[in-house]
Structure formats: C-alpha cells, structure tokens
C-alpha cells in the first residue's frame, strides 16, 4: 500500500503518541488534515468533518472523555526536538517565522514564548499540517482559465495550496512552469517531492520576489506559480512577470468575496491585469470553487 502523507510525518511524533495511529482505520488516516499537540491537553485531529479527539485505543470522538490521549509536556518537547532533527538552531530561520518544514510538503506550526531574538521557546503547542496531492481537484479551474493569470482565494485550510499544486500539474502538460516555493509546501521539498508535472521546475527560496526575478532571468517560463502573494515586493514581481508575457498562478487568504477588493494587495493584484480568472474556495469539502473574472466583482 502506498504510504500516506500522515505516515511520513508520524516518525517525527513521540512514539507513544505515534503508535496509537496504528489502530486508526486507514480511511480515517487518509482524511487527517492536521494533528494538533498541546501541552497537557487532549490530542486533536482535524478531519473534513471537523475536530476529533484521539483516544488511547485508536478511536476518535468529537468530545473528550475518559480514555482520551493526553499530550504530556515531555512528549511535546520530544516531538519538537524530533521535528528539529535534534538541532534547534539549524532551523532558527524557520522558527522565527513560527514553523518547521516536514517531508511531503507538510509543515508544523509552532506556538510558545517568542524570545527577543525571534526564536520560539517554551513550546506550548504544535500543529502538524498534512499536505496531499489531489489530482483532479483543479479541473474546473484549469477548464475556466483563458491563458491569463489565476488567483486561487479562500479562507485558511480551504485547500488553496492543494488546488494550486494540481493547477500546476495540469498546466505543465503544455507549458513550461516554474514554481517559487518558499516553504516547500507546494513541491514537497527535495527529500520527498510531490508530482507537479513533466514540465515544472521548482525554485526553493524564501524570498518569493527574488525567486520570481531569478525565474524570469534564467528559466524562461510560460507560467510562474507561487503561494500567497502578500507583500508589495511580491506584487511587483507578479506585475513584472505579467508584463513579460508570463502567466501567473497564485493564492490569497480571503474570508469572503468582498475582501478581494477590500484588501490592498489583492485589490492591486486584480487591477494590475495580471489576473483574469479567480477561483474562490469555500472551504467546504466537495463544494466546487466559485469562478469569475475580476470584472465581475
């Protein structure tokens, strides 16, 4: 059986918690979006149906009760060190941004006390986000695109990166695509890369604006894809790509449709002409995105 993304992440979890997942049904394991560990509190899973608590016998429920699995301070600390591969300072740059990169494009969010040097210390909770490639989830987006830029928008955890990943995979059948991947979430990084298609090149770089400039100068792409265009510098890179005749595929955190014009960056992005198709995700499992043009806002 092909290894699921969750199985690739569990070796980084304290073994006394990780082994409970051996009793979890395979179907449930494939649905896990997040594994949340909080100091001296119940272990939580985020599934499409909502929050579920994990019990010592491998069962789950929507309410904690007797037998629920508690994450101790020791287990949380050990998990944190496993995520860091025993070298906290080797991951200092990531920790200053509140996360740790994992295989398969997965990521661990980190909470605790932020020290004056920007490092997160005295860890109080970890959120292991499970990334999966879902082929076909961008069918309606790719069918609607007209060769212009694509903006995939939606609330947190609505599947924007998953749809972006499949959009890249499908576009790469006929186009040269460069992915600017600042956290390894789109591509899965170099250790366990996810499939992004036959004509896709990946540039792993924290500075997305710099990455866009490098891609334009050296890779001659027809399409550039990046997650979360959120700064003026990144917006400038998108506009330069557009004026160079390159299609842009990007994402944005949007709670409601009206926020596309209320937020400065997305308003400027849509006004720039770099985007001709918007796919708005609701976050509801199985619900297709609402697709429209900037002129329809």
Foldseek 3Di string as FASTA:
>chain_A
DDDALLNQLLVLFQPLVSVLCVQADPVVSNQFFKWKAFAFAFIWTQGLVGIWTAFSNNDIHPDDDPRTDHQHLVRVVSSVCSLVVNDQVVCQVVQLVQWGAGFPLKIKGWDADQDPVSGHPPTGMIMIGGDDADAPLQVVVLVPDDLFAEEEEEAPLLCSLNNLQNSQAVVQVPWQEEEEAARCNNQRPDPHGDDRHDRYHYDHHNPSLVVLVCCVVPVVTQEYEYEAPDDPSSLVSLLVCVVVNHQYYYYHHDHDPVVCCVDPSSVVSLVSRRHAKYWYGHSNPPDGTDIDGSVVD
